[in-house]
Amino acid sequence: MGFLGGLFGGGSAKQDEIIEMISKGGIIIDVRSAAEFAGGNVPGSKNIPLNTIGAKAANIKKLNKPIIVCCASGMRSSQAASILKGKGIEVVNGGSWRSLT
């Protein structure tokens, strides 16, 4: 069962944090490649590949919204979360995009 499908069940602290971020207008950013994103993604998510996330951080910060980053396994999204946190952006690593569907 995906994260959003289990909203009414008992969740982990991470799931609770993601739910709170979404309720505050959070944006899901998928940091996989454009080809991976085209093969399947979280509806409504934005694709900003990891290799461009640093260059786009200023624009992401201007959104003034909490950010949930995801990828295929959680490794690239962990790197992206670290980069964005370093730029003062409220961000959480959502892990695999499949867990957010």
PDB file of N, CA and C in Angstrom:
ATOM      1  N   MET A   1       0.846  -1.175   0.000  1.00  0.00           N
ATOM      2  CA  MET A   1       0.000   0.000   0.000  1.00  0.00           C
ATOM      3  C   MET A   1       0.885   1.229   0.000  1.00  0.00           C
ATOM      4  N   GLY A   2       0.581   2.171  -0.851  1.00  0.00           N
ATOM      5  CA  GLY A   2       1.335   3.401  -0.921  1.00  0.00           C
ATOM      6  C   GLY A   2       1.021   4.334   0.236  1.00  0.00           C
ATOM      7  N   PHE A   3       1.855   5.324   0.385  1.00  0.00           N
ATOM      8  CA  PHE A   3       1.716   6.284   1.471  1.00  0.00           C
ATOM      9  C   PHE A   3       0.375   6.998   1.444  1.00  0.00           C
ATOM     10  N   LEU A   4       0.022   7.582   0.303  1.00  0.00           N
ATOM     11  CA  LEU A   4      -1.216   8.345   0.243  1.00  0.00           C
ATOM     12  C   LEU A   4      -2.436   7.436   0.375  1.00  0.00           C
ATOM     13  N   GLY A   5      -2.303   6.181  -0.042  1.00  0.00           N
ATOM     14  CA  GLY A   5      -3.391   5.235   0.109  1.00  0.00           C
ATOM     15  C   GLY A   5      -3.608   4.825   1.556  1.00  0.00           C
ATOM     16  N   GLY A   6      -2.596   5.017   2.390  1.00  0.00           N
ATOM     17  CA  GLY A   6      -2.698   4.616   3.784  1.00  0.00           C
ATOM     18  C   GLY A   6      -2.854   5.796   4.739  1.00  0.00           C
ATOM     19  N   LEU A   7      -3.361   6.906   4.252  1.00  0.00           N
ATOM     20  CA  LEU A   7      -3.468   8.100   5.085  1.00  0.00           C
ATOM     21  C   LEU A   7      -4.271   7.898   6.361  1.00  0.00           C
ATOM     22  N   PHE A   8      -5.238   7.017   6.328  1.00  0.00           N
ATOM     23  CA  PHE A   8      -6.099   6.873   7.499  1.00  0.00           C
ATOM     24  C   PHE A   8      -5.667   5.745   8.417  1.00  0.00           C
ATOM     25  N   GLY A   9      -4.613   5.057   8.050  1.00  0.00           N
ATOM     26  CA  GLY A   9      -4.067   4.015   8.913  1.00  0.00           C
ATOM     27  C   GLY A   9      -2.995   4.611   9.807  1.00  0.00           C
ATOM     28  N   GLY A  10      -2.474   3.803  10.711  1.00  0.00           N
ATOM     29  CA  GLY A  10      -1.384   4.268  11.568  1.00  0.00           C
ATOM     30  C   GLY A  10      -0.135   4.438  10.741  1.00  0.00           C
ATOM     31  N   GLY A  11       0.534   5.566  10.871  1.00  0.00           N
ATOM     32  CA  GLY A  11       1.704   5.829  10.057  1.00  0.00           C
ATOM     33  C   GLY A  11       2.933   6.047  10.898  1.00  0.00           C
ATOM     34  N   SER A  12       4.050   6.105  10.226  1.00  0.00           N
ATOM     35  CA  SER A  12       5.315   6.371  10.901  1.00  0.00           C
ATOM     36  C   SER A  12       5.453   7.876  11.113  1.00  0.00           C
ATOM     37  N   ALA A  13       6.461   8.264  11.874  1.00  0.00           N
ATOM     38  CA  ALA A  13       6.728   9.687  12.094  1.00  0.00           C
ATOM     39  C   ALA A  13       7.027  10.371  10.766  1.00  0.00           C
ATOM     40  N   LYS A  14       7.742   9.681   9.873  1.00  0.00           N
ATOM     41  CA  LYS A  14       8.053  10.245   8.560  1.00  0.00           C
ATOM     42  C   LYS A  14       6.768  10.454   7.763  1.00  0.00           C
ATOM     43  N   GLN A  15       5.881   9.470   7.776  1.00  0.00           N
ATOM     44  CA  GLN A  15       4.610   9.612   7.069  1.00  0.00           C
ATOM     45  C   GLN A  15       3.799  10.767   7.646  1.00  0.00           C
ATOM     46  N   ASP A  16       3.804  10.899   8.968  1.00  0.00           N
ATOM     47  CA  ASP A  16       3.082  11.999   9.611  1.00  0.00           C
ATOM     48  C   ASP A  16       3.653  13.344   9.162  1.00  0.00           C
ATOM     49  N   GLU A  17       4.975  13.417   9.055  1.00  0.00           N
ATOM     50  CA  GLU A  17       5.616  14.657   8.610  1.00  0.00           C
ATOM     51  C   GLU A  17       5.227  14.980   7.169  1.00  0.00           C
ATOM     52  N   ILE A  18       5.194  13.971   6.319  1.00  0.00           N
ATOM     53  CA  ILE A  18       4.823  14.180   4.918  1.00  0.00           C
ATOM     54  C   ILE A  18       3.363  14.607   4.818  1.00  0.00           C
ATOM     55  N   ILE A  19       2.487  13.983   5.590  1.00  0.00           N
ATOM     56  CA  ILE A  19       1.065  14.363   5.600  1.00  0.00           C
ATOM     57  C   ILE A  19       0.931  15.834   5.999  1.00  0.00           C
ATOM     58  N   GLU A  20       1.666  16.241   7.034  1.00  0.00           N
ATOM     59  CA  GLU A  20       1.614  17.625   7.486  1.00  0.00           C
ATOM     60  C   GLU A  20       2.111  18.572   6.397  1.00  0.00           C
ATOM     61  N   MET A  21       3.189  18.198   5.728  1.00  0.00           N
ATOM     62  CA  MET A  21       3.734  19.046   4.671  1.00  0.00           C
ATOM     63  C   MET A  21       2.743  19.183   3.515  1.00  0.00           C
ATOM     64  N   ILE A  22       2.097  18.099   3.150  1.00  0.00           N
ATOM     65  CA  ILE A  22       1.107  18.148   2.066  1.00  0.00           C
ATOM     66  C   ILE A  22      -0.069  19.022   2.474  1.00  0.00           C
ATOM     67  N   SER A  23      -0.491  18.920   3.747  1.00  0.00           N
ATOM     68  CA  SER A  23      -1.610  19.737   4.215  1.00  0.00           C
ATOM     69  C   SER A  23      -1.268  21.223   4.205  1.00  0.00           C
ATOM     70  N   LYS A  24       0.034  21.554   4.253  1.00  0.00           N
ATOM     71  CA  LYS A  24       0.485  22.936   4.193  1.00  0.00           C
ATOM     72  C   LYS A  24       0.803  23.363   2.754  1.00  0.00           C
ATOM     73  N   GLY A  25       0.349  22.580   1.780  1.00  0.00           N
ATOM     74  CA  GLY A  25       0.583  22.925   0.379  1.00  0.00           C
ATOM     75  C   GLY A  25       1.894  22.424  -0.167  1.00  0.00           C
ATOM     76  N   GLY A  26       2.471  21.423   0.488  1.00  0.00           N
ATOM     77  CA  GLY A  26       3.754  20.885   0.064  1.00  0.00           C
ATOM     78  C   GLY A  26       3.772  20.431  -1.383  1.00  0.00           C
ATOM     79  N   ILE A  27       4.942  20.496  -1.961  1.00  0.00           N
ATOM     80  CA  ILE A  27       5.150  20.120  -3.356  1.00  0.00           C
ATOM     81  C   ILE A  27       6.058  18.899  -3.400  1.00  0.00           C
ATOM     82  N   ILE A  28       5.659  17.909  -4.191  1.00  0.00           N
ATOM     83  CA  ILE A  28       6.475  16.712  -4.383  1.00  0.00           C
ATOM     84  C   ILE A  28       7.365  16.932  -5.599  1.00  0.00           C
ATOM     85  N   ILE A  29       8.673  16.820  -5.379  1.00  0.00           N
ATOM     86  CA  ILE A  29       9.650  16.945  -6.458  1.00  0.00           C
ATOM     87  C   ILE A  29      10.336  15.597  -6.632  1.00  0.00           C
ATOM     88  N   ASP A  30      10.225  15.072  -7.829  1.00  0.00           N
ATOM     89  CA  ASP A  30      10.838  13.798  -8.197  1.00  0.00           C
ATOM     90  C   ASP A  30      12.184  14.108  -8.842  1.00  0.00           C
ATOM     91  N   VAL A  31      13.266  13.605  -8.261  1.00  0.00           N
ATOM     92  CA  VAL A  31      14.603  13.956  -8.738  1.00  0.00           C
ATOM     93  C   VAL A  31      15.203  12.917  -9.690  1.00  0.00           C
ATOM     94  N   ARG A  32      14.370  12.003 -10.196  1.00  0.00           N
ATOM     95  CA  ARG A  32      14.854  11.043 -11.192  1.00  0.00           C
ATOM     96  C   ARG A  32      15.026  11.735 -12.539  1.00  0.00           C
ATOM     97  N   SER A  33      15.605  11.032 -13.489  1.00  0.00           N
ATOM     98  CA  SER A  33      15.776  11.578 -14.839  1.00  0.00           C
ATOM     99  C   SER A  33      14.406  11.777 -15.488  1.00  0.00           C
ATOM    100  N   ALA A  34      14.378  12.599 -16.530  1.00  0.00           N
ATOM    101  CA  ALA A  34      13.126  12.843 -17.250  1.00  0.00           C
ATOM    102  C   ALA A  34      12.550  11.542 -17.810  1.00  0.00           C
ATOM    103  N   ALA A  35      13.415  10.654 -18.301  1.00  0.00           N
ATOM    104  CA  ALA A  35      12.943   9.379 -18.856  1.00  0.00           C
ATOM    105  C   ALA A  35      12.316   8.502 -17.769  1.00  0.00           C
ATOM    106  N   GLU A  36      12.947   8.452 -16.588  1.00  0.00           N
ATOM    107  CA  GLU A  36      12.380   7.677 -15.484  1.00  0.00           C
ATOM    108  C   GLU A  36      11.034   8.262 -15.068  1.00  0.00           C
ATOM    109  N   PHE A  37      10.972   9.573 -14.961  1.00  0.00           N
ATOM    110  CA  PHE A  37       9.743  10.261 -14.563  1.00  0.00           C
ATOM    111  C   PHE A  37       8.617   9.965 -15.545  1.00  0.00           C
ATOM    112  N   ALA A  38       8.948   9.974 -16.843  1.00  0.00           N
ATOM    113  CA  ALA A  38       7.947   9.698 -17.879  1.00  0.00           C
ATOM    114  C   ALA A  38       7.397   8.276 -17.779  1.00  0.00           C
ATOM    115  N   GLY A  39       8.181   7.373 -17.210  1.00  0.00           N
ATOM    116  CA  GLY A  39       7.758   5.986 -17.061  1.00  0.00           C
ATOM    117  C   GLY A  39       6.786   5.749 -15.916  1.00  0.00           C
ATOM    118  N   GLY A  40       6.549   6.747 -15.100  1.00  0.00           N
ATOM    119  CA  GLY A  40       5.625   6.645 -13.973  1.00  0.00           C
ATOM    120  C   GLY A  40       6.017   7.640 -12.907  1.00  0.00           C
ATOM    121  N   ASN A  41       5.031   8.264 -12.277  1.00  0.00           N
ATOM    122  CA  ASN A  41       5.315   9.283 -11.272  1.00  0.00           C
ATOM    123  C   ASN A  41       4.109   9.513 -10.379  1.00  0.00           C
ATOM    124  N   VAL A  42       4.304  10.288  -9.336  1.00  0.00           N
ATOM    125  CA  VAL A  42       3.222  10.678  -8.438  1.00  0.00           C
ATOM    126  C   VAL A  42       2.414  11.761  -9.151  1.00  0.00           C
ATOM    127  N   PRO A  43       1.110  11.561  -9.300  1.00  0.00           N
ATOM    128  CA  PRO A  43       0.297  12.594  -9.954  1.00  0.00           C
ATOM    129  C   PRO A  43       0.478  13.951  -9.267  1.00  0.00           C
ATOM    130  N   GLY A  44       0.722  14.976 -10.085  1.00  0.00           N
ATOM    131  CA  GLY A  44       0.905  16.326  -9.576  1.00  0.00           C
ATOM    132  C   GLY A  44       2.324  16.669  -9.165  1.00  0.00           C
ATOM    133  N   SER A  45       3.218  15.680  -9.192  1.00  0.00           N
ATOM    134  CA  SER A  45       4.610  15.952  -8.810  1.00  0.00           C
ATOM    135  C   SER A  45       5.342  16.674  -9.934  1.00  0.00           C
ATOM    136  N   LYS A  46       6.439  17.320  -9.568  1.00  0.00           N
ATOM    137  CA  LYS A  46       7.278  18.027 -10.533  1.00  0.00           C
ATOM    138  C   LYS A  46       8.587  17.258 -10.697  1.00  0.00           C
ATOM    139  N   ASN A  47       9.112  17.249 -11.906  1.00  0.00           N
ATOM    140  CA  ASN A  47      10.375  16.563 -12.169  1.00  0.00           C
ATOM    141  C   ASN A  47      11.512  17.570 -12.257  1.00  0.00           C
ATOM    142  N   ILE A  48      12.425  17.484 -11.299  1.00  0.00           N
ATOM    143  CA  ILE A  48      13.656  18.282 -11.325  1.00  0.00           C
ATOM    144  C   ILE A  48      14.785  17.298 -11.035  1.00  0.00           C
ATOM    145  N   PRO A  49      15.464  16.808 -12.084  1.00  0.00           N
ATOM    146  CA  PRO A  49      16.518  15.812 -11.889  1.00  0.00           C
ATOM    147  C   PRO A  49      17.583  16.268 -10.891  1.00  0.00           C
ATOM    148  N   LEU A  50      18.122  15.312 -10.154  1.00  0.00           N
ATOM    149  CA  LEU A  50      19.116  15.592  -9.122  1.00  0.00           C
ATOM    150  C   LEU A  50      20.260  16.452  -9.631  1.00  0.00           C
ATOM    151  N   ASN A  51      20.734  16.191 -10.843  1.00  0.00           N
ATOM    152  CA  ASN A  51      21.892  16.942 -11.341  1.00  0.00           C
ATOM    153  C   ASN A  51      21.587  18.412 -11.616  1.00  0.00           C
ATOM    154  N   THR A  52      20.311  18.826 -11.498  1.00  0.00           N
ATOM    155  CA  THR A  52      19.950  20.236 -11.693  1.00  0.00           C
ATOM    156  C   THR A  52      19.374  20.873 -10.425  1.00  0.00           C
ATOM    157  N   ILE A  53      19.205  20.091  -9.366  1.00  0.00           N
ATOM    158  CA  ILE A  53      18.503  20.583  -8.170  1.00  0.00           C
ATOM    159  C   ILE A  53      19.227  21.763  -7.523  1.00  0.00           C
ATOM    160  N   GLY A  54      20.540  21.728  -7.474  1.00  0.00           N
ATOM    161  CA  GLY A  54      21.291  22.833  -6.875  1.00  0.00           C
ATOM    162  C   GLY A  54      21.092  24.134  -7.634  1.00  0.00           C
ATOM    163  N   ALA A  55      21.113  24.051  -8.950  1.00  0.00           N
ATOM    164  CA  ALA A  55      20.942  25.235  -9.793  1.00  0.00           C
ATOM    165  C   ALA A  55      19.517  25.785  -9.708  1.00  0.00           C
ATOM    166  N   LYS A  56      18.569  24.942  -9.365  1.00  0.00           N
ATOM    167  CA  LYS A  56      17.167  25.373  -9.305  1.00  0.00           C
ATOM    168  C   LYS A  56      16.701  25.671  -7.884  1.00  0.00           C
ATOM    169  N   ALA A  57      17.597  25.550  -6.911  1.00  0.00           N
ATOM    170  CA  ALA A  57      17.230  25.738  -5.507  1.00  0.00           C
ATOM    171  C   ALA A  57      16.635  27.116  -5.233  1.00  0.00           C
ATOM    172  N   ALA A  58      17.177  28.158  -5.844  1.00  0.00           N
ATOM    173  CA  ALA A  58      16.655  29.514  -5.612  1.00  0.00           C
ATOM    174  C   ALA A  58      15.197  29.614  -6.061  1.00  0.00           C
ATOM    175  N   ASN A  59      14.883  29.012  -7.209  1.00  0.00           N
ATOM    176  CA  ASN A  59      13.493  29.021  -7.693  1.00  0.00           C
ATOM    177  C   ASN A  59      12.590  28.190  -6.798  1.00  0.00           C
ATOM    178  N   ILE A  60      13.105  27.068  -6.303  1.00  0.00           N
ATOM    179  CA  ILE A  60      12.330  26.225  -5.388  1.00  0.00           C
ATOM    180  C   ILE A  60      12.048  26.989  -4.093  1.00  0.00           C
ATOM    181  N   LYS A  61      13.053  27.695  -3.600  1.00  0.00           N
ATOM    182  CA  LYS A  61      12.885  28.464  -2.362  1.00  0.00           C
ATOM    183  C   LYS A  61      11.825  29.547  -2.532  1.00  0.00           C
ATOM    184  N   LYS A  62      11.761  30.162  -3.716  1.00  0.00           N
ATOM    185  CA  LYS A  62      10.775  31.208  -3.991  1.00  0.00           C
ATOM    186  C   LYS A  62       9.335  30.691  -3.911  1.00  0.00           C
ATOM    187  N   LEU A  63       9.139  29.388  -4.079  1.00  0.00           N
ATOM    188  CA  LEU A  63       7.794  28.819  -3.989  1.00  0.00           C
ATOM    189  C   LEU A  63       7.231  28.969  -2.576  1.00  0.00           C
ATOM    190  N   ASN A  64       8.140  29.075  -1.603  1.00  0.00           N
ATOM    191  CA  ASN A  64       7.767  29.245  -0.195  1.00  0.00           C
ATOM    192  C   ASN A  64       6.781  28.162   0.260  1.00  0.00           C
ATOM    193  N   LYS A  65       7.060  26.930  -0.127  1.00  0.00           N
ATOM    194  CA  LYS A  65       6.236  25.767   0.225  1.00  0.00           C
ATOM    195  C   LYS A  65       7.151  24.674   0.747  1.00  0.00           C
ATOM    196  N   PRO A  66       6.613  23.821   1.627  1.00  0.00           N
ATOM    197  CA  PRO A  66       7.413  22.664   2.032  1.00  0.00           C
ATOM    198  C   PRO A  66       7.624  21.741   0.827  1.00  0.00           C
ATOM    199  N   ILE A  67       8.751  21.074   0.795  1.00  0.00           N
ATOM    200  CA  ILE A  67       9.124  20.219  -0.334  1.00  0.00           C
ATOM    201  C   ILE A  67       9.301  18.781   0.145  1.00  0.00           C
ATOM    202  N   ILE A  68       8.731  17.865  -0.630  1.00  0.00           N
ATOM    203  CA  ILE A  68       8.936  16.429  -0.427  1.00  0.00           C
ATOM    204  C   ILE A  68       9.678  15.943  -1.667  1.00  0.00           C
ATOM    205  N   VAL A  69      10.882  15.406  -1.488  1.00  0.00           N
ATOM    206  CA  VAL A  69      11.641  14.899  -2.633  1.00  0.00           C
ATOM    207  C   VAL A  69      11.540  13.381  -2.674  1.00  0.00           C
ATOM    208  N   CYS A  70      11.495  12.847  -3.883  1.00  0.00           N
ATOM    209  CA  CYS A  70      11.439  11.399  -4.060  1.00  0.00           C
ATOM    210  C   CYS A  70      12.258  11.009  -5.276  1.00  0.00           C
ATOM    211  N   CYS A  71      12.527   9.705  -5.394  1.00  0.00           N
ATOM    212  CA  CYS A  71      13.267   9.166  -6.534  1.00  0.00           C
ATOM    213  C   CYS A  71      12.864   7.700  -6.686  1.00  0.00           C
ATOM    214  N   ALA A  72      13.756   6.868  -7.162  1.00  0.00           N
ATOM    215  CA  ALA A  72      13.440   5.450  -7.331  1.00  0.00           C
ATOM    216  C   ALA A  72      13.555   4.683  -6.016  1.00  0.00           C
ATOM    217  N   SER A  73      14.601   4.968  -5.249  1.00  0.00           N
ATOM    218  CA  SER A  73      14.844   4.177  -4.038  1.00  0.00           C
ATOM    219  C   SER A  73      14.994   4.995  -2.761  1.00  0.00           C
ATOM    220  N   GLY A  74      15.209   6.284  -2.900  1.00  0.00           N
ATOM    221  CA  GLY A  74      15.454   7.137  -1.739  1.00  0.00           C
ATOM    222  C   GLY A  74      16.880   7.640  -1.645  1.00  0.00           C
ATOM    223  N   MET A  75      17.766   7.118  -2.474  1.00  0.00           N
ATOM    224  CA  MET A  75      19.172   7.533  -2.429  1.00  0.00           C
ATOM    225  C   MET A  75      19.361   8.931  -3.038  1.00  0.00           C
ATOM    226  N   ARG A  76      18.875   9.126  -4.249  1.00  0.00           N
ATOM    227  CA  ARG A  76      19.019  10.442  -4.887  1.00  0.00           C
ATOM    228  C   ARG A  76      18.199  11.493  -4.154  1.00  0.00           C
ATOM    229  N   SER A  77      17.022  11.105  -3.658  1.00  0.00           N
ATOM    230  CA  SER A  77      16.205  12.081  -2.932  1.00  0.00           C
ATOM    231  C   SER A  77      16.868  12.468  -1.615  1.00  0.00           C
ATOM    232  N   SER A  78      17.634  11.568  -1.023  1.00  0.00           N
ATOM    233  CA  SER A  78      18.390  11.903   0.178  1.00  0.00           C
ATOM    234  C   SER A  78      19.431  12.974  -0.139  1.00  0.00           C
ATOM    235  N   GLN A  79      20.121  12.826  -1.258  1.00  0.00           N
ATOM    236  CA  GLN A  79      21.102  13.820  -1.687  1.00  0.00           C
ATOM    237  C   GLN A  79      20.415  15.155  -1.969  1.00  0.00           C
ATOM    238  N   ALA A  80      19.276  15.100  -2.651  1.00  0.00           N
ATOM    239  CA  ALA A  80      18.538  16.322  -2.984  1.00  0.00           C
ATOM    240  C   ALA A  80      18.067  17.028  -1.715  1.00  0.00           C
ATOM    241  N   ALA A  81      17.567  16.264  -0.745  1.00  0.00           N
ATOM    242  CA  ALA A  81      17.110  16.852   0.515  1.00  0.00           C
ATOM    243  C   ALA A  81      18.266  17.565   1.211  1.00  0.00           C
ATOM    244  N   SER A  82      19.432  16.961   1.197  1.00  0.00           N
ATOM    245  CA  SER A  82      20.605  17.567   1.819  1.00  0.00           C
ATOM    246  C   SER A  82      20.971  18.884   1.133  1.00  0.00           C
ATOM    247  N   ILE A  83      20.948  18.889  -0.186  1.00  0.00           N
ATOM    248  CA  ILE A  83      21.257  20.107  -0.947  1.00  0.00           C
ATOM    249  C   ILE A  83      20.257  21.205  -0.613  1.00  0.00           C
ATOM    250  N   LEU A  84      18.967  20.865  -0.627  1.00  0.00           N
ATOM    251  CA  LEU A  84      17.926  21.867  -0.382  1.00  0.00           C
ATOM    252  C   LEU A  84      17.940  22.369   1.062  1.00  0.00           C
ATOM    253  N   LYS A  85      18.177  21.474   2.018  1.00  0.00           N
ATOM    254  CA  LYS A  85      18.294  21.906   3.419  1.00  0.00           C
ATOM    255  C   LYS A  85      19.428  22.903   3.573  1.00  0.00           C
ATOM    256  N   GLY A  86      20.526  22.654   2.868  1.00  0.00           N
ATOM    257  CA  GLY A  86      21.667  23.561   2.902  1.00  0.00           C
ATOM    258  C   GLY A  86      21.353  24.943   2.353  1.00  0.00           C
ATOM    259  N   LYS A  87      20.297  25.033   1.566  1.00  0.00           N
ATOM    260  CA  LYS A  87      19.857  26.313   0.997  1.00  0.00           C
ATOM    261  C   LYS A  87      18.720  26.929   1.817  1.00  0.00           C
ATOM    262  N   GLY A  88      18.415  26.311   2.977  1.00  0.00           N
ATOM    263  CA  GLY A  88      17.386  26.861   3.860  1.00  0.00           C
ATOM    264  C   GLY A  88      15.965  26.532   3.465  1.00  0.00           C
ATOM    265  N   ILE A  89      15.779  25.458   2.722  1.00  0.00           N
ATOM    266  CA  ILE A  89      14.451  25.056   2.264  1.00  0.00           C
ATOM    267  C   ILE A  89      13.899  23.966   3.175  1.00  0.00           C
ATOM    268  N   GLU A  90      12.625  24.093   3.565  1.00  0.00           N
ATOM    269  CA  GLU A  90      11.961  23.064   4.367  1.00  0.00           C
ATOM    270  C   GLU A  90      11.719  21.859   3.457  1.00  0.00           C
ATOM    271  N   VAL A  91      12.386  20.749   3.755  1.00  0.00           N
ATOM    272  CA  VAL A  91      12.341  19.587   2.866  1.00  0.00           C
ATOM    273  C   VAL A  91      12.396  18.301   3.672  1.00  0.00           C
ATOM    274  N   VAL A  92      11.754  17.264   3.139  1.00  0.00           N
ATOM    275  CA  VAL A  92      11.842  15.930   3.714  1.00  0.00           C
ATOM    276  C   VAL A  92      12.071  14.945   2.559  1.00  0.00           C
ATOM    277  N   ASN A  93      12.862  13.922   2.842  1.00  0.00           N
ATOM    278  CA  ASN A  93      13.096  12.853   1.869  1.00  0.00           C
ATOM    279  C   ASN A  93      11.914  11.902   1.931  1.00  0.00           C
ATOM    280  N   GLY A  94      11.124  11.873   0.869  1.00  0.00           N
ATOM    281  CA  GLY A  94       9.968  10.983   0.796  1.00  0.00           C
ATOM    282  C   GLY A  94      10.332   9.577   0.376  1.00  0.00           C
ATOM    283  N   GLY A  95      11.581   9.353  -0.015  1.00  0.00           N
ATOM    284  CA  GLY A  95      12.010   8.020  -0.437  1.00  0.00           C
ATOM    285  C   GLY A  95      11.556   7.688  -1.843  1.00  0.00           C
ATOM    286  N   SER A  96      11.149   6.455  -2.046  1.00  0.00           N
ATOM    287  CA  SER A  96      10.706   5.987  -3.352  1.00  0.00           C
ATOM    288  C   SER A  96       9.398   6.662  -3.755  1.00  0.00           C
ATOM    289  N   TRP A  97       9.317   7.080  -5.009  1.00  0.00           N
ATOM    290  CA  TRP A  97       8.091   7.706  -5.498  1.00  0.00           C
ATOM    291  C   TRP A  97       6.901   6.762  -5.362  1.00  0.00           C
ATOM    292  N   ARG A  98       7.159   5.454  -5.470  1.00  0.00           N
ATOM    293  CA  ARG A  98       6.075   4.478  -5.371  1.00  0.00           C
ATOM    294  C   ARG A  98       5.424   4.475  -3.983  1.00  0.00           C
ATOM    295  N   SER A  99       6.195   4.844  -2.956  1.00  0.00           N
ATOM    296  CA  SER A  99       5.640   4.872  -1.607  1.00  0.00           C
ATOM    297  C   SER A  99       4.738   6.088  -1.395  1.00  0.00           C
ATOM    298  N   LEU A 100       4.778   7.036  -2.307  1.00  0.00           N
ATOM    299  CA  LEU A 100       3.957   8.244  -2.201  1.00  0.00           C
ATOM    300  C   LEU A 100       2.704   8.194  -3.052  1.00  0.00           C
ATOM    301  N   THR A 101       2.508   7.109  -3.795  1.00  0.00           N
ATOM    302  CA  THR A 101       1.328   7.020  -4.655  1.00  0.00           C
ATOM    303  C   THR A 101       0.145   6.423  -3.921  1.00  0.00           C
TER     304      THR A 101
END
